[in-house]
Amino acid sequence: MTETIVALLIFLFPLAYSPGPGNMLFAANGALFGFRATLPASAGYHLATWLMTLGVGLGLTGLFETWPLLFPVLKTAGAIYVLWLALKLSRAGATTTTQTARPASFTDGAVLLLLNPKAYVIIALMFSQFLSPTEPHVLAAVMVITTVFTLNNLLAFSTWTLIGDRLARAFREDRSAIWLNRGFAAVLAGVAVWILLA
């Protein structure tokens, strides 16, 4: 199992650390509110990650085969949600003066994961590569893969959040903070378009 975990981590590294909806949301929230303020959203996202990954590993992928329209609906809903988050971020000011913006919540984190089609594709691909059909202890193997996947994502998101937090220290004044937030919002909007076109 150790060899499988090492191979899994190598497989996941570029996927987890590449700019996606989750990474960009957490980088933006880290920039606007600081690392600690992102912890509730991170908890929501990663609890949802663990539960959904476990479900996919135990066979919920059959839903996409039974209802083929479910994936495009999910994809569109995810893109719309990411665009909505980008719009909220584009209206935020500096961390010290903003009154209307708030950090992403536990629910925001969970919803972002549930509406992230990239996550479903990666999870299905991961199990197809690392879960043997002849595995004698399927439940244990699924739980190990699920936990490694979730912890790897948590580390990647924490890294992006810290990057956002550090960037914001250089953009403390309201005018520069507004441009930083608009930059992150534009990246999130680009991710939403990518979701629709992928």
C-alpha atoms as a PDB file:
ATOM      1  CA  MET A   1       0.000   0.000   0.000  1.00  0.00           C
ATOM      2  CA  THR A   2       2.934   2.366   0.628  1.00  0.00           C
ATOM      3  CA  GLU A   3       3.970   2.214  -3.025  1.00  0.00           C
ATOM      4  CA  THR A   4       0.386   2.982  -4.053  1.00  0.00           C
ATOM      5  CA  ILE A   5       0.275   6.031  -1.759  1.00  0.00           C
ATOM      6  CA  VAL A   6       3.575   7.378  -3.140  1.00  0.00           C
ATOM      7  CA  ALA A   7       2.370   6.875  -6.717  1.00  0.00           C
ATOM      8  CA  LEU A   8      -0.960   8.483  -5.826  1.00  0.00           C
ATOM      9  CA  LEU A   9       0.760  11.567  -4.369  1.00  0.00           C
ATOM     10  CA  ILE A  10       2.900  11.927  -7.497  1.00  0.00           C
ATOM     11  CA  PHE A  11      -0.243  11.616  -9.640  1.00  0.00           C
ATOM     12  CA  LEU A  12      -2.155  14.173  -7.529  1.00  0.00           C
ATOM     13  CA  PHE A  13       0.579  16.794  -7.162  1.00  0.00           C
ATOM     14  CA  PRO A  14       0.055  18.686 -10.455  1.00  0.00           C
ATOM     15  CA  LEU A  15      -3.720  18.297 -10.203  1.00  0.00           C
ATOM     16  CA  ALA A  16      -3.968  19.594  -6.635  1.00  0.00           C
ATOM     17  CA  TYR A  17      -1.609  22.548  -7.055  1.00  0.00           C
ATOM     18  CA  SER A  18      -2.811  23.781 -10.458  1.00  0.00           C
ATOM     19  CA  PRO A  19      -5.139  26.825 -10.470  1.00  0.00           C
ATOM     20  CA  GLY A  20      -8.686  25.553 -10.156  1.00  0.00           C
ATOM     21  CA  PRO A  21     -11.895  26.926  -8.591  1.00  0.00           C
ATOM     22  CA  GLY A  22     -10.946  25.794  -5.086  1.00  0.00           C
ATOM     23  CA  ASN A  23      -7.350  27.007  -5.141  1.00  0.00           C
ATOM     24  CA  MET A  24      -8.308  30.393  -6.571  1.00  0.00           C
ATOM     25  CA  LEU A  25     -11.166  30.894  -4.092  1.00  0.00           C
ATOM     26  CA  PHE A  26      -8.867  30.151  -1.171  1.00  0.00           C
ATOM     27  CA  ALA A  27      -6.041  32.308  -2.528  1.00  0.00           C
ATOM     28  CA  ALA A  28      -8.498  35.182  -2.951  1.00  0.00           C
ATOM     29  CA  ASN A  29      -9.983  34.711   0.524  1.00  0.00           C
ATOM     30  CA  GLY A  30      -6.509  34.462   2.017  1.00  0.00           C
ATOM     31  CA  ALA A  31      -5.604  37.751   0.337  1.00  0.00           C
ATOM     32  CA  LEU A  32      -8.741  39.527   1.466  1.00  0.00           C
ATOM     33  CA  PHE A  33      -9.284  38.152   4.972  1.00  0.00           C
ATOM     34  CA  GLY A  34      -6.089  36.331   6.004  1.00  0.00           C
ATOM     35  CA  PHE A  35      -5.364  32.651   6.512  1.00  0.00           C
ATOM     36  CA  ARG A  36      -7.346  32.114   9.729  1.00  0.00           C
ATOM     37  CA  ALA A  37     -10.563  33.489   8.271  1.00  0.00           C
ATOM     38  CA  THR A  38     -10.529  30.793   5.575  1.00  0.00           C
ATOM     39  CA  LEU A  39     -10.586  27.888   8.046  1.00  0.00           C
ATOM     40  CA  PRO A  40     -14.414  27.440   8.113  1.00  0.00           C
ATOM     41  CA  ALA A  41     -14.596  27.304   4.296  1.00  0.00           C
ATOM     42  CA  SER A  42     -11.633  24.938   4.232  1.00  0.00           C
ATOM     43  CA  ALA A  43     -13.368  22.660   6.743  1.00  0.00           C
ATOM     44  CA  GLY A  44     -16.534  22.651   4.608  1.00  0.00           C
ATOM     45  CA  TYR A  45     -14.660  21.993   1.388  1.00  0.00           C
ATOM     46  CA  HIS A  46     -12.523  19.192   2.759  1.00  0.00           C
ATOM     47  CA  LEU A  47     -15.290  17.454   4.703  1.00  0.00           C
ATOM     48  CA  ALA A  48     -17.341  17.472   1.484  1.00  0.00           C
ATOM     49  CA  THR A  49     -14.242  16.241  -0.393  1.00  0.00           C
ATOM     50  CA  TRP A  50     -13.791  13.293   1.937  1.00  0.00           C
ATOM     51  CA  LEU A  51     -17.476  12.299   1.869  1.00  0.00           C
ATOM     52  CA  MET A  52     -17.887  12.682  -1.894  1.00  0.00           C
ATOM     53  CA  THR A  53     -14.610  10.880  -2.651  1.00  0.00           C
ATOM     54  CA  LEU A  54     -15.643   8.015  -0.396  1.00  0.00           C
ATOM     55  CA  GLY A  55     -19.003   7.853  -2.166  1.00  0.00           C
ATOM     56  CA  VAL A  56     -17.417   7.847  -5.619  1.00  0.00           C
ATOM     57  CA  GLY A  57     -14.956   5.169  -4.530  1.00  0.00           C
ATOM     58  CA  LEU A  58     -17.813   3.013  -3.279  1.00  0.00           C
ATOM     59  CA  GLY A  59     -19.734   3.268  -6.544  1.00  0.00           C
ATOM     60  CA  LEU A  60     -21.666   6.524  -6.845  1.00  0.00           C
ATOM     61  CA  THR A  61     -20.083   7.128 -10.260  1.00  0.00           C
ATOM     62  CA  GLY A  62     -22.889   4.955 -11.604  1.00  0.00           C
ATOM     63  CA  LEU A  63     -25.152   7.998 -11.203  1.00  0.00           C
ATOM     64  CA  PHE A  64     -23.410   9.657 -14.155  1.00  0.00           C
ATOM     65  CA  GLU A  65     -23.948   6.533 -16.245  1.00  0.00           C
ATOM     66  CA  THR A  66     -27.620   6.300 -15.245  1.00  0.00           C
ATOM     67  CA  TRP A  67     -28.292  10.029 -15.759  1.00  0.00           C
ATOM     68  CA  PRO A  68     -25.856  11.280 -18.422  1.00  0.00           C
ATOM     69  CA  LEU A  69     -27.324  14.815 -18.252  1.00  0.00           C
ATOM     70  CA  LEU A  70     -26.299  15.127 -14.604  1.00  0.00           C
ATOM     71  CA  PHE A  71     -22.679  15.977 -15.444  1.00  0.00           C
ATOM     72  CA  PRO A  72     -23.407  18.907 -17.838  1.00  0.00           C
ATOM     73  CA  VAL A  73     -25.970  20.295 -15.361  1.00  0.00           C
ATOM     74  CA  LEU A  74     -23.421  20.057 -12.560  1.00  0.00           C
ATOM     75  CA  LYS A  75     -20.779  21.631 -14.787  1.00  0.00           C
ATOM     76  CA  THR A  76     -23.004  24.619 -15.636  1.00  0.00           C
ATOM     77  CA  ALA A  77     -24.115  25.085 -12.015  1.00  0.00           C
ATOM     78  CA  GLY A  78     -20.483  24.992 -10.883  1.00  0.00           C
ATOM     79  CA  ALA A  79     -19.442  27.619 -13.451  1.00  0.00           C
ATOM     80  CA  ILE A  80     -22.312  29.907 -12.414  1.00  0.00           C
ATOM     81  CA  TYR A  81     -21.403  29.530  -8.731  1.00  0.00           C
ATOM     82  CA  VAL A  82     -17.734  30.339  -9.391  1.00  0.00           C
ATOM     83  CA  LEU A  83     -18.793  33.405 -11.439  1.00  0.00           C
ATOM     84  CA  TRP A  84     -20.983  34.531  -8.528  1.00  0.00           C
ATOM     85  CA  LEU A  85     -18.020  34.189  -6.147  1.00  0.00           C
ATOM     86  CA  ALA A  86     -15.863  36.158  -8.629  1.00  0.00           C
ATOM     87  CA  LEU A  87     -18.465  38.947  -8.736  1.00  0.00           C
ATOM     88  CA  LYS A  88     -18.542  39.159  -4.928  1.00  0.00           C
ATOM     89  CA  LEU A  89     -14.761  39.307  -4.812  1.00  0.00           C
ATOM     90  CA  SER A  90     -14.526  41.987  -7.515  1.00  0.00           C
ATOM     91  CA  ARG A  91     -16.610  44.308  -5.312  1.00  0.00           C
ATOM     92  CA  ALA A  92     -14.438  43.904  -2.210  1.00  0.00           C
ATOM     93  CA  GLY A  93     -12.037  46.585  -1.019  1.00  0.00           C
ATOM     94  CA  ALA A  94      -9.071  46.460   1.316  1.00  0.00           C
ATOM     95  CA  THR A  95      -9.063  44.031   4.234  1.00  0.00           C
ATOM     96  CA  THR A  96      -9.096  46.890   6.705  1.00  0.00           C
ATOM     97  CA  THR A  97     -11.942  48.878   5.168  1.00  0.00           C
ATOM     98  CA  THR A  98     -14.346  46.458   3.521  1.00  0.00           C
ATOM     99  CA  GLN A  99     -17.784  46.343   5.107  1.00  0.00           C
ATOM    100  CA  THR A 100     -19.791  44.285   2.620  1.00  0.00           C
ATOM    101  CA  ALA A 101     -17.449  41.379   1.891  1.00  0.00           C
ATOM    102  CA  ARG A 102     -17.178  38.408   4.208  1.00  0.00           C
ATOM    103  CA  PRO A 103     -14.941  35.349   4.195  1.00  0.00           C
ATOM    104  CA  ALA A 104     -16.261  32.252   2.452  1.00  0.00           C
ATOM    105  CA  SER A 105     -18.248  30.150   4.923  1.00  0.00           C
ATOM    106  CA  PHE A 106     -18.328  26.435   5.739  1.00  0.00           C
ATOM    107  CA  THR A 107     -21.317  26.124   3.383  1.00  0.00           C
ATOM    108  CA  ASP A 108     -19.538  28.042   0.593  1.00  0.00           C
ATOM    109  CA  GLY A 109     -16.643  25.606   0.834  1.00  0.00           C
ATOM    110  CA  ALA A 110     -18.892  22.532   0.716  1.00  0.00           C
ATOM    111  CA  VAL A 111     -20.992  23.884  -2.181  1.00  0.00           C
ATOM    112  CA  LEU A 112     -17.875  24.794  -4.148  1.00  0.00           C
ATOM    113  CA  LEU A 113     -16.665  21.196  -3.930  1.00  0.00           C
ATOM    114  CA  LEU A 114     -20.063  19.693  -4.776  1.00  0.00           C
ATOM    115  CA  LEU A 115     -20.384  21.921  -7.873  1.00  0.00           C
ATOM    116  CA  ASN A 116     -16.775  21.452  -9.020  1.00  0.00           C
ATOM    117  CA  PRO A 117     -16.779  19.137 -12.060  1.00  0.00           C
ATOM    118  CA  LYS A 118     -12.956  19.039 -12.060  1.00  0.00           C
ATOM    119  CA  ALA A 119     -13.141  17.283  -8.691  1.00  0.00           C
ATOM    120  CA  TYR A 120     -15.456  14.538 -10.002  1.00  0.00           C
ATOM    121  CA  VAL A 121     -13.246  13.897 -13.030  1.00  0.00           C
ATOM    122  CA  ILE A 122     -10.064  13.737 -10.919  1.00  0.00           C
ATOM    123  CA  ILE A 123     -11.683  11.458  -8.322  1.00  0.00           C
ATOM    124  CA  ALA A 124     -13.062   9.040 -10.938  1.00  0.00           C
ATOM    125  CA  LEU A 125      -9.701   8.994 -12.740  1.00  0.00           C
ATOM    126  CA  MET A 126      -7.855   8.483  -9.456  1.00  0.00           C
ATOM    127  CA  PHE A 127      -9.907   5.429  -8.493  1.00  0.00           C
ATOM    128  CA  SER A 128      -9.644   3.971 -11.985  1.00  0.00           C
ATOM    129  CA  GLN A 129      -5.841   4.127 -11.657  1.00  0.00           C
ATOM    130  CA  PHE A 130      -5.256   3.268  -8.001  1.00  0.00           C
ATOM    131  CA  LEU A 131      -8.098   0.960  -6.912  1.00  0.00           C
ATOM    132  CA  SER A 132      -7.566  -2.562  -8.171  1.00  0.00           C
ATOM    133  CA  PRO A 133     -10.733  -4.482  -9.109  1.00  0.00           C
ATOM    134  CA  THR A 134      -9.186  -7.509  -7.366  1.00  0.00           C
ATOM    135  CA  GLU A 135      -8.461  -5.575  -4.139  1.00  0.00           C
ATOM    136  CA  PRO A 136      -9.400  -7.950  -1.262  1.00  0.00           C
ATOM    137  CA  HIS A 137     -10.144  -5.124   1.206  1.00  0.00           C
ATOM    138  CA  VAL A 138     -12.010  -2.619  -0.980  1.00  0.00           C
ATOM    139  CA  LEU A 139     -13.475  -0.498   1.823  1.00  0.00           C
ATOM    140  CA  ALA A 140     -10.087  -0.068   3.533  1.00  0.00           C
ATOM    141  CA  ALA A 141      -8.390   0.768   0.214  1.00  0.00           C
ATOM    142  CA  VAL A 142     -11.098   3.306  -0.698  1.00  0.00           C
ATOM    143  CA  MET A 143     -10.796   4.946   2.723  1.00  0.00           C
ATOM    144  CA  VAL A 144      -6.992   5.217   2.462  1.00  0.00           C
ATOM    145  CA  ILE A 145      -7.151   6.685  -1.055  1.00  0.00           C
ATOM    146  CA  THR A 146      -9.943   9.055   0.016  1.00  0.00           C
ATOM    147  CA  THR A 147      -8.002  10.266   3.050  1.00  0.00           C
ATOM    148  CA  VAL A 148      -4.722  10.738   1.136  1.00  0.00           C
ATOM    149  CA  PHE A 149      -6.593  12.662  -1.579  1.00  0.00           C
ATOM    150  CA  THR A 150      -8.327  14.918   0.966  1.00  0.00           C
ATOM    151  CA  LEU A 151      -5.175  15.653   2.982  1.00  0.00           C
ATOM    152  CA  ASN A 152      -3.209  16.398  -0.194  1.00  0.00           C
ATOM    153  CA  ASN A 153      -5.929  18.867  -1.246  1.00  0.00           C
ATOM    154  CA  LEU A 154      -5.899  20.451   2.200  1.00  0.00           C
ATOM    155  CA  LEU A 155      -2.146  21.020   1.922  1.00  0.00           C
ATOM    156  CA  ALA A 156      -2.478  22.474  -1.590  1.00  0.00           C
ATOM    157  CA  PHE A 157      -5.317  24.809  -0.582  1.00  0.00           C
ATOM    158  CA  SER A 158      -3.449  25.917   2.527  1.00  0.00           C
ATOM    159  CA  THR A 159      -0.449  26.740   0.351  1.00  0.00           C
ATOM    160  CA  TRP A 160      -2.576  28.825  -2.038  1.00  0.00           C
ATOM    161  CA  THR A 161      -4.278  30.542   0.918  1.00  0.00           C
ATOM    162  CA  LEU A 162      -0.914  31.492   2.426  1.00  0.00           C
ATOM    163  CA  ILE A 163       0.240  32.817  -0.956  1.00  0.00           C
ATOM    164  CA  GLY A 164      -2.884  35.000  -1.106  1.00  0.00           C
ATOM    165  CA  ASP A 165      -2.346  36.158   2.470  1.00  0.00           C
ATOM    166  CA  ARG A 166       1.286  37.104   1.763  1.00  0.00           C
ATOM    167  CA  LEU A 167       0.343  38.901  -1.457  1.00  0.00           C
ATOM    168  CA  ALA A 168      -2.214  40.974   0.420  1.00  0.00           C
ATOM    169  CA  ARG A 169       0.458  42.247   2.803  1.00  0.00           C
ATOM    170  CA  ALA A 170       1.950  44.076  -0.152  1.00  0.00           C
ATOM    171  CA  PHE A 171      -1.471  45.490  -1.089  1.00  0.00           C
ATOM    172  CA  ARG A 172      -2.820  46.852   2.202  1.00  0.00           C
ATOM    173  CA  GLU A 173      -3.952  50.233   0.878  1.00  0.00           C
ATOM    174  CA  ASP A 174      -7.521  50.329  -0.401  1.00  0.00           C
ATOM    175  CA  ARG A 175      -6.680  51.226  -4.000  1.00  0.00           C
ATOM    176  CA  SER A 176      -4.095  48.472  -4.470  1.00  0.00           C
ATOM    177  CA  ALA A 177      -6.274  45.965  -2.560  1.00  0.00           C
ATOM    178  CA  ILE A 178      -9.156  46.663  -4.924  1.00  0.00           C
ATOM    179  CA  TRP A 179      -6.913  45.848  -7.902  1.00  0.00           C
ATOM    180  CA  LEU A 180      -5.642  42.684  -6.216  1.00  0.00           C
ATOM    181  CA  ASN A 181      -9.218  41.545  -5.544  1.00  0.00           C
ATOM    182  CA  ARG A 182     -10.236  42.344  -9.119  1.00  0.00           C
ATOM    183  CA  GLY A 183      -7.251  40.342 -10.343  1.00  0.00           C
ATOM    184  CA  PHE A 184      -8.301  37.329  -8.297  1.00  0.00           C
ATOM    185  CA  ALA A 185     -11.908  37.832  -9.435  1.00  0.00           C
ATOM    186  CA  ALA A 186     -10.764  37.828 -13.083  1.00  0.00           C
ATOM    187  CA  VAL A 187      -8.843  34.580 -12.503  1.00  0.00           C
ATOM    188  CA  LEU A 188     -11.931  33.020 -10.877  1.00  0.00           C
ATOM    189  CA  ALA A 189     -14.072  34.186 -13.809  1.00  0.00           C
ATOM    190  CA  GLY A 190     -11.528  32.622 -16.177  1.00  0.00           C
ATOM    191  CA  VAL A 191     -11.764  29.359 -14.231  1.00  0.00           C
ATOM    192  CA  ALA A 192     -15.572  29.484 -14.587  1.00  0.00           C
ATOM    193  CA  VAL A 193     -15.245  29.882 -18.366  1.00  0.00           C
ATOM    194  CA  TRP A 194     -12.709  27.025 -18.408  1.00  0.00           C
ATOM    195  CA  ILE A 195     -15.213  24.835 -16.519  1.00  0.00           C
ATOM    196  CA  LEU A 196     -17.856  25.508 -19.168  1.00  0.00           C
ATOM    197  CA  LEU A 197     -15.516  24.876 -22.107  1.00  0.00           C
ATOM    198  CA  ALA A 198     -13.598  21.863 -20.721  1.00  0.00           C
END
